[in-house]
């Protein structure tokens, strides 16, 4: 017997969203029909909650959001249903790692972006358009608060080397993922879109065979492999 799809998890950038960050009306129509047939829709994104909230509201007032690449689940109304945070100690050690290598590091606090100083790399992030950006100065010395994730932006050719070094130094404490070829995202160990989607599905009594997940990049791959139906959209990275 074919399993009915009861939960659909959608990545945002380059999956649900067009390059101009809109959702095609025919896509919305299909998702509304799925909702009418009893399928639950959930967003699964690396974005911060305020950046994903508008799309959750577009899809339906009860559409929850897996945000910060799995470090948090929030209701469309903003209630935190689950969260995992990085301790300030590891934030500071990563700040030292980045300062020694001349790397840009981005942290988060209460849905605000926290950086040493605003620069071009900060403004590339679509999240920067919807939340406050705090300049904290030298992150190796600044007062830091728990953050759901950290993010390094750099030249795509350098990211593999940076990732390899970070993996060697912090691999047991962090989960490393890429949503773009110029981004390295770092969450608490054991935190990923896959694990948080699994947790959410179990809370609803939904089996993995009844889950469809859609994505386009390496940070989606494990989620697509876990889901009973994994969909890599046509513009996905080749791997």
C-alpha atoms as a PDB file:
ATOM      1  CA  UNK A   1       0.000   0.000   0.000  1.00  0.00           C
ATOM      2  CA  UNK A   2       1.352   3.394  -0.966  1.00  0.00           C
ATOM      3  CA  UNK A   3       2.061   5.697   1.970  1.00  0.00           C
ATOM      4  CA  UNK A   4       0.030   8.894   2.066  1.00  0.00           C
ATOM      5  CA  UNK A   5       2.066  12.099   2.426  1.00  0.00           C
ATOM      6  CA  UNK A   6       1.083  13.663   5.760  1.00  0.00           C
ATOM      7  CA  UNK A   7       3.954  16.159   6.173  1.00  0.00           C
ATOM      8  CA  UNK A   8       5.719  18.283   3.527  1.00  0.00           C
ATOM      9  CA  UNK A   9       8.963  20.047   4.505  1.00  0.00           C
ATOM     10  CA  UNK A  10      10.078  22.861   2.213  1.00  0.00           C
ATOM     11  CA  UNK A  11      13.432  24.592   2.045  1.00  0.00           C
ATOM     12  CA  UNK A  12      13.062  28.268   1.115  1.00  0.00           C
ATOM     13  CA  UNK A  13      15.938  29.718  -0.942  1.00  0.00           C
ATOM     14  CA  UNK A  14      16.253  28.186  -4.412  1.00  0.00           C
ATOM     15  CA  UNK A  15      13.555  25.624  -3.559  1.00  0.00           C
ATOM     16  CA  UNK A  16      10.203  27.198  -2.669  1.00  0.00           C
ATOM     17  CA  UNK A  17      11.376  30.715  -3.576  1.00  0.00           C
ATOM     18  CA  UNK A  18      12.098  32.182  -6.990  1.00  0.00           C
ATOM     19  CA  UNK A  19      15.289  34.298  -7.416  1.00  0.00           C
ATOM     20  CA  UNK A  20      13.275  37.410  -6.486  1.00  0.00           C
ATOM     21  CA  UNK A  21      12.182  35.695  -3.232  1.00  0.00           C
ATOM     22  CA  UNK A  22       8.548  35.299  -4.319  1.00  0.00           C
ATOM     23  CA  UNK A  23       6.464  32.110  -4.340  1.00  0.00           C
ATOM     24  CA  UNK A  24       4.714  31.331  -7.663  1.00  0.00           C
ATOM     25  CA  UNK A  25       0.928  31.392  -7.404  1.00  0.00           C
ATOM     26  CA  UNK A  26       0.600  27.927  -8.968  1.00  0.00           C
ATOM     27  CA  UNK A  27       2.906  26.554  -6.266  1.00  0.00           C
ATOM     28  CA  UNK A  28       0.727  28.114  -3.590  1.00  0.00           C
ATOM     29  CA  UNK A  29      -2.343  26.538  -5.226  1.00  0.00           C
ATOM     30  CA  UNK A  30      -0.775  23.068  -5.104  1.00  0.00           C
ATOM     31  CA  UNK A  31       0.255  23.491  -1.457  1.00  0.00           C
ATOM     32  CA  UNK A  32      -3.240  24.692  -0.511  1.00  0.00           C
ATOM     33  CA  UNK A  33      -4.701  21.589  -2.163  1.00  0.00           C
ATOM     34  CA  UNK A  34      -2.235  19.411  -0.233  1.00  0.00           C
ATOM     35  CA  UNK A  35      -3.301  21.155   2.972  1.00  0.00           C
ATOM     36  CA  UNK A  36      -6.967  20.531   2.155  1.00  0.00           C
ATOM     37  CA  UNK A  37      -6.167  16.835   1.749  1.00  0.00           C
ATOM     38  CA  UNK A  38      -4.644  16.721   5.218  1.00  0.00           C
ATOM     39  CA  UNK A  39      -0.920  17.198   4.550  1.00  0.00           C
ATOM     40  CA  UNK A  40       0.862  19.407   7.096  1.00  0.00           C
ATOM     41  CA  UNK A  41       3.238  21.993   5.599  1.00  0.00           C
ATOM     42  CA  UNK A  42       6.432  22.995   7.426  1.00  0.00           C
ATOM     43  CA  UNK A  43       9.221  25.331   6.332  1.00  0.00           C
ATOM     44  CA  UNK A  44      12.784  24.032   6.874  1.00  0.00           C
ATOM     45  CA  UNK A  45      15.328  26.792   6.307  1.00  0.00           C
ATOM     46  CA  UNK A  46      18.687  28.154   7.341  1.00  0.00           C
ATOM     47  CA  UNK A  47      17.110  31.600   7.602  1.00  0.00           C
ATOM     48  CA  UNK A  48      16.249  33.321  10.874  1.00  0.00           C
ATOM     49  CA  UNK A  49      12.637  33.198  12.048  1.00  0.00           C
ATOM     50  CA  UNK A  50      11.592  36.775  11.097  1.00  0.00           C
ATOM     51  CA  UNK A  51      12.866  36.146   7.569  1.00  0.00           C
ATOM     52  CA  UNK A  52      10.830  32.926   7.255  1.00  0.00           C
ATOM     53  CA  UNK A  53       7.728  34.156   9.090  1.00  0.00           C
ATOM     54  CA  UNK A  54       6.267  35.981   6.078  1.00  0.00           C
ATOM     55  CA  UNK A  55       6.375  32.767   4.036  1.00  0.00           C
ATOM     56  CA  UNK A  56       4.849  30.744   6.877  1.00  0.00           C
ATOM     57  CA  UNK A  57       1.968  33.214   6.967  1.00  0.00           C
ATOM     58  CA  UNK A  58       1.644  32.972   3.194  1.00  0.00           C
ATOM     59  CA  UNK A  59       1.376  29.181   3.405  1.00  0.00           C
ATOM     60  CA  UNK A  60      -1.053  29.219   6.337  1.00  0.00           C
ATOM     61  CA  UNK A  61      -1.326  30.513   9.876  1.00  0.00           C
ATOM     62  CA  UNK A  62      -0.537  27.076  11.375  1.00  0.00           C
ATOM     63  CA  UNK A  63       2.605  26.526   9.262  1.00  0.00           C
ATOM     64  CA  UNK A  64       5.520  25.997  11.673  1.00  0.00           C
ATOM     65  CA  UNK A  65       9.082  26.986  10.833  1.00  0.00           C
ATOM     66  CA  UNK A  66      12.230  24.924  11.286  1.00  0.00           C
ATOM     67  CA  UNK A  67      14.757  27.774  11.187  1.00  0.00           C
ATOM     68  CA  UNK A  68      18.459  28.426  11.840  1.00  0.00           C
ATOM     69  CA  UNK A  69      19.170  25.202   9.900  1.00  0.00           C
ATOM     70  CA  UNK A  70      17.389  23.076  12.464  1.00  0.00           C
ATOM     71  CA  UNK A  71      18.428  24.790  15.680  1.00  0.00           C
ATOM     72  CA  UNK A  72      14.896  26.008  16.337  1.00  0.00           C
ATOM     73  CA  UNK A  73      11.222  25.259  15.632  1.00  0.00           C
ATOM     74  CA  UNK A  74       8.836  28.194  15.932  1.00  0.00           C
ATOM     75  CA  UNK A  75       5.112  28.441  15.365  1.00  0.00           C
ATOM     76  CA  UNK A  76       3.981  30.923  12.714  1.00  0.00           C
ATOM     77  CA  UNK A  77       3.010  33.161  15.628  1.00  0.00           C
ATOM     78  CA  UNK A  78       6.553  33.070  17.016  1.00  0.00           C
ATOM     79  CA  UNK A  79       6.240  30.595  19.904  1.00  0.00           C
ATOM     80  CA  UNK A  80       9.412  28.553  20.371  1.00  0.00           C
ATOM     81  CA  UNK A  81       8.576  24.851  20.227  1.00  0.00           C
ATOM     82  CA  UNK A  82      12.175  23.593  20.326  1.00  0.00           C
ATOM     83  CA  UNK A  83      15.632  25.154  20.389  1.00  0.00           C
ATOM     84  CA  UNK A  84      19.311  24.283  20.756  1.00  0.00           C
ATOM     85  CA  UNK A  85      21.864  27.036  21.368  1.00  0.00           C
ATOM     86  CA  UNK A  86      25.630  27.379  21.041  1.00  0.00           C
ATOM     87  CA  UNK A  87      27.335  28.380  24.311  1.00  0.00           C
ATOM     88  CA  UNK A  88      29.220  31.723  24.328  1.00  0.00           C
ATOM     89  CA  UNK A  89      32.468  29.818  24.957  1.00  0.00           C
ATOM     90  CA  UNK A  90      32.385  28.103  21.557  1.00  0.00           C
ATOM     91  CA  UNK A  91      31.275  31.373  19.923  1.00  0.00           C
ATOM     92  CA  UNK A  92      34.379  33.060  21.321  1.00  0.00           C
ATOM     93  CA  UNK A  93      36.671  30.232  20.235  1.00  0.00           C
ATOM     94  CA  UNK A  94      35.207  30.419  16.735  1.00  0.00           C
ATOM     95  CA  UNK A  95      35.734  34.196  16.808  1.00  0.00           C
ATOM     96  CA  UNK A  96      39.414  33.577  17.560  1.00  0.00           C
ATOM     97  CA  UNK A  97      39.593  31.012  14.724  1.00  0.00           C
ATOM     98  CA  UNK A  98      38.095  33.574  12.306  1.00  0.00           C
ATOM     99  CA  UNK A  99      40.235  36.491  13.508  1.00  0.00           C
ATOM    100  CA  UNK A 100      43.414  34.455  13.026  1.00  0.00           C
ATOM    101  CA  UNK A 101      42.376  33.703   9.438  1.00  0.00           C
ATOM    102  CA  UNK A 102      40.816  37.039   8.536  1.00  0.00           C
ATOM    103  CA  UNK A 103      37.335  35.526   8.173  1.00  0.00           C
ATOM    104  CA  UNK A 104      33.921  37.174   8.491  1.00  0.00           C
ATOM    105  CA  UNK A 105      31.819  35.674  11.290  1.00  0.00           C
ATOM    106  CA  UNK A 106      28.105  36.224  11.913  1.00  0.00           C
ATOM    107  CA  UNK A 107      26.261  35.352  15.131  1.00  0.00           C
ATOM    108  CA  UNK A 108      22.654  35.747  16.309  1.00  0.00           C
ATOM    109  CA  UNK A 109      20.961  36.967  19.470  1.00  0.00           C
ATOM    110  CA  UNK A 110      17.173  37.137  19.939  1.00  0.00           C
ATOM    111  CA  UNK A 111      16.721  37.004  16.126  1.00  0.00           C
ATOM    112  CA  UNK A 112      19.141  39.911  15.628  1.00  0.00           C
ATOM    113  CA  UNK A 113      22.308  39.553  13.551  1.00  0.00           C
ATOM    114  CA  UNK A 114      25.523  40.155  15.533  1.00  0.00           C
ATOM    115  CA  UNK A 115      28.775  41.050  13.717  1.00  0.00           C
ATOM    116  CA  UNK A 116      32.015  42.856  14.483  1.00  0.00           C
ATOM    117  CA  UNK A 117      31.037  45.551  12.013  1.00  0.00           C
ATOM    118  CA  UNK A 118      28.585  45.808   9.134  1.00  0.00           C
ATOM    119  CA  UNK A 119      30.190  45.131   5.760  1.00  0.00           C
ATOM    120  CA  UNK A 120      29.303  43.845   2.299  1.00  0.00           C
ATOM    121  CA  UNK A 121      29.154  40.258   3.572  1.00  0.00           C
ATOM    122  CA  UNK A 122      26.509  41.261   6.131  1.00  0.00           C
ATOM    123  CA  UNK A 123      24.278  42.878   3.542  1.00  0.00           C
ATOM    124  CA  UNK A 124      24.438  39.895   1.140  1.00  0.00           C
ATOM    125  CA  UNK A 125      22.358  37.945   3.656  1.00  0.00           C
ATOM    126  CA  UNK A 126      18.599  38.270   2.923  1.00  0.00           C
ATOM    127  CA  UNK A 127      18.020  38.076   6.687  1.00  0.00           C
ATOM    128  CA  UNK A 128      19.702  41.494   6.988  1.00  0.00           C
ATOM    129  CA  UNK A 129      16.668  43.071   5.324  1.00  0.00           C
ATOM    130  CA  UNK A 130      14.227  41.975   8.038  1.00  0.00           C
ATOM    131  CA  UNK A 131      16.040  42.238  11.367  1.00  0.00           C
ATOM    132  CA  UNK A 132      18.365  44.454  13.393  1.00  0.00           C
ATOM    133  CA  UNK A 133      22.111  44.205  12.840  1.00  0.00           C
ATOM    134  CA  UNK A 134      24.220  44.767  15.941  1.00  0.00           C
ATOM    135  CA  UNK A 135      27.876  45.785  15.682  1.00  0.00           C
ATOM    136  CA  UNK A 136      29.642  44.229  18.670  1.00  0.00           C
ATOM    137  CA  UNK A 137      33.249  45.138  17.851  1.00  0.00           C
ATOM    138  CA  UNK A 138      35.977  42.531  18.380  1.00  0.00           C
ATOM    139  CA  UNK A 139      34.009  39.285  18.857  1.00  0.00           C
ATOM    140  CA  UNK A 140      36.928  37.699  20.705  1.00  0.00           C
ATOM    141  CA  UNK A 141      36.396  40.271  23.490  1.00  0.00           C
ATOM    142  CA  UNK A 142      32.734  41.303  23.181  1.00  0.00           C
ATOM    143  CA  UNK A 143      30.003  40.132  25.547  1.00  0.00           C
ATOM    144  CA  UNK A 144      28.378  37.213  23.728  1.00  0.00           C
ATOM    145  CA  UNK A 145      25.031  35.498  24.298  1.00  0.00           C
ATOM    146  CA  UNK A 146      23.941  31.995  23.234  1.00  0.00           C
ATOM    147  CA  UNK A 147      23.363  31.772  19.479  1.00  0.00           C
ATOM    148  CA  UNK A 148      21.414  29.133  17.508  1.00  0.00           C
ATOM    149  CA  UNK A 149      24.058  29.117  14.784  1.00  0.00           C
ATOM    150  CA  UNK A 150      27.205  30.800  13.474  1.00  0.00           C
ATOM    151  CA  UNK A 151      27.942  31.620   9.858  1.00  0.00           C
ATOM    152  CA  UNK A 152      31.111  32.319   7.844  1.00  0.00           C
ATOM    153  CA  UNK A 153      30.861  33.997   4.432  1.00  0.00           C
ATOM    154  CA  UNK A 154      33.850  33.755   2.089  1.00  0.00           C
ATOM    155  CA  UNK A 155      35.019  33.029  -1.447  1.00  0.00           C
ATOM    156  CA  UNK A 156      33.503  29.711  -2.636  1.00  0.00           C
ATOM    157  CA  UNK A 157      37.000  28.462  -3.496  1.00  0.00           C
ATOM    158  CA  UNK A 158      38.138  28.945   0.122  1.00  0.00           C
ATOM    159  CA  UNK A 159      35.094  27.479   1.859  1.00  0.00           C
ATOM    160  CA  UNK A 160      36.134  23.788   1.511  1.00  0.00           C
ATOM    161  CA  UNK A 161      39.486  24.501   3.194  1.00  0.00           C
ATOM    162  CA  UNK A 162      37.831  26.575   5.932  1.00  0.00           C
ATOM    163  CA  UNK A 163      35.281  23.825   6.485  1.00  0.00           C
ATOM    164  CA  UNK A 164      38.000  21.184   6.729  1.00  0.00           C
ATOM    165  CA  UNK A 165      39.929  23.207   9.325  1.00  0.00           C
ATOM    166  CA  UNK A 166      36.805  23.981  11.343  1.00  0.00           C
ATOM    167  CA  UNK A 167      35.763  20.322  11.208  1.00  0.00           C
ATOM    168  CA  UNK A 168      39.139  19.238  12.548  1.00  0.00           C
ATOM    169  CA  UNK A 169      39.064  21.735  15.423  1.00  0.00           C
ATOM    170  CA  UNK A 170      35.363  21.791  16.334  1.00  0.00           C
ATOM    171  CA  UNK A 171      33.932  18.662  14.719  1.00  0.00           C
ATOM    172  CA  UNK A 172      32.740  17.048  17.967  1.00  0.00           C
ATOM    173  CA  UNK A 173      30.996  20.241  19.088  1.00  0.00           C
ATOM    174  CA  UNK A 174      29.461  21.526  15.856  1.00  0.00           C
ATOM    175  CA  UNK A 175      27.403  20.392  12.891  1.00  0.00           C
ATOM    176  CA  UNK A 176      28.716  22.074   9.724  1.00  0.00           C
ATOM    177  CA  UNK A 177      26.562  22.636   6.649  1.00  0.00           C
ATOM    178  CA  UNK A 178      26.395  24.683   3.447  1.00  0.00           C
ATOM    179  CA  UNK A 179      23.292  26.328   1.998  1.00  0.00           C
ATOM    180  CA  UNK A 180      25.274  28.343  -0.562  1.00  0.00           C
ATOM    181  CA  UNK A 181      28.737  27.776  -1.998  1.00  0.00           C
ATOM    182  CA  UNK A 182      29.984  30.892  -0.163  1.00  0.00           C
ATOM    183  CA  UNK A 183      28.426  30.056   3.231  1.00  0.00           C
ATOM    184  CA  UNK A 184      29.539  27.792   6.055  1.00  0.00           C
ATOM    185  CA  UNK A 185      26.834  27.407   8.690  1.00  0.00           C
ATOM    186  CA  UNK A 186      27.608  25.932  12.113  1.00  0.00           C
ATOM    187  CA  UNK A 187      25.033  24.616  14.578  1.00  0.00           C
ATOM    188  CA  UNK A 188      25.281  22.623  17.840  1.00  0.00           C
ATOM    189  CA  UNK A 189      26.443  19.043  17.312  1.00  0.00           C
ATOM    190  CA  UNK A 190      23.514  16.795  16.439  1.00  0.00           C
ATOM    191  CA  UNK A 191      21.426  19.683  15.135  1.00  0.00           C
ATOM    192  CA  UNK A 192      20.391  19.636  11.472  1.00  0.00           C
ATOM    193  CA  UNK A 193      17.295  20.041   9.339  1.00  0.00           C
ATOM    194  CA  UNK A 194      17.005  16.234   9.229  1.00  0.00           C
ATOM    195  CA  UNK A 195      17.125  15.715  12.994  1.00  0.00           C
ATOM    196  CA  UNK A 196      14.709  18.546  13.719  1.00  0.00           C
ATOM    197  CA  UNK A 197      12.281  17.411  11.016  1.00  0.00           C
ATOM    198  CA  UNK A 198      12.460  13.888  12.467  1.00  0.00           C
ATOM    199  CA  UNK A 199      11.741  15.290  15.934  1.00  0.00           C
ATOM    200  CA  UNK A 200       8.802  17.331  14.611  1.00  0.00           C
ATOM    201  CA  UNK A 201       7.328  14.402  12.666  1.00  0.00           C
ATOM    202  CA  UNK A 202       7.545  12.152  15.730  1.00  0.00           C
ATOM    203  CA  UNK A 203       5.760  14.796  17.827  1.00  0.00           C
ATOM    204  CA  UNK A 204       2.862  14.552  15.369  1.00  0.00           C
ATOM    205  CA  UNK A 205       2.888  10.768  15.219  1.00  0.00           C
ATOM    206  CA  UNK A 206       3.956  10.860  11.560  1.00  0.00           C
ATOM    207  CA  UNK A 207       6.242   8.121  10.191  1.00  0.00           C
ATOM    208  CA  UNK A 208       9.185   9.012   7.938  1.00  0.00           C
ATOM    209  CA  UNK A 209       7.476   7.121   5.091  1.00  0.00           C
ATOM    210  CA  UNK A 210       4.698   9.720   5.302  1.00  0.00           C
ATOM    211  CA  UNK A 211       7.092  12.687   4.982  1.00  0.00           C
ATOM    212  CA  UNK A 212       8.072  14.534   1.797  1.00  0.00           C
ATOM    213  CA  UNK A 213      11.090  16.871   1.954  1.00  0.00           C
ATOM    214  CA  UNK A 214      12.177  19.284  -0.786  1.00  0.00           C
ATOM    215  CA  UNK A 215      15.535  21.048  -1.064  1.00  0.00           C
ATOM    216  CA  UNK A 216      18.392  22.113  -3.293  1.00  0.00           C
ATOM    217  CA  UNK A 217      21.712  22.170  -1.428  1.00  0.00           C
ATOM    218  CA  UNK A 218      24.022  20.056   0.710  1.00  0.00           C
ATOM    219  CA  UNK A 219      22.410  21.222   3.970  1.00  0.00           C
ATOM    220  CA  UNK A 220      19.177  19.633   2.691  1.00  0.00           C
ATOM    221  CA  UNK A 221      20.704  16.335   1.559  1.00  0.00           C
ATOM    222  CA  UNK A 222      20.352  14.410   4.834  1.00  0.00           C
ATOM    223  CA  UNK A 223      16.767  15.628   5.227  1.00  0.00           C
ATOM    224  CA  UNK A 224      15.920  14.407   1.716  1.00  0.00           C
ATOM    225  CA  UNK A 225      17.589  11.048   2.398  1.00  0.00           C
ATOM    226  CA  UNK A 226      15.661  10.613   5.654  1.00  0.00           C
ATOM    227  CA  UNK A 227      12.228  11.474   4.275  1.00  0.00           C
ATOM    228  CA  UNK A 228      10.131   8.756   2.684  1.00  0.00           C
ATOM    229  CA  UNK A 229       9.949  10.973  -0.392  1.00  0.00           C
ATOM    230  CA  UNK A 230      12.987  13.205  -0.936  1.00  0.00           C
ATOM    231  CA  UNK A 231      12.774  15.774  -3.725  1.00  0.00           C
ATOM    232  CA  UNK A 232      15.866  17.526  -5.089  1.00  0.00           C
ATOM    233  CA  UNK A 233      14.518  20.392  -7.195  1.00  0.00           C
ATOM    234  CA  UNK A 234      15.765  20.841 -10.774  1.00  0.00           C
ATOM    235  CA  UNK A 235      18.217  23.635  -9.893  1.00  0.00           C
ATOM    236  CA  UNK A 236      19.875  21.645  -7.067  1.00  0.00           C
ATOM    237  CA  UNK A 237      23.635  21.458  -6.717  1.00  0.00           C
ATOM    238  CA  UNK A 238      24.965  18.570  -8.794  1.00  0.00           C
ATOM    239  CA  UNK A 239      25.921  16.405  -5.791  1.00  0.00           C
END
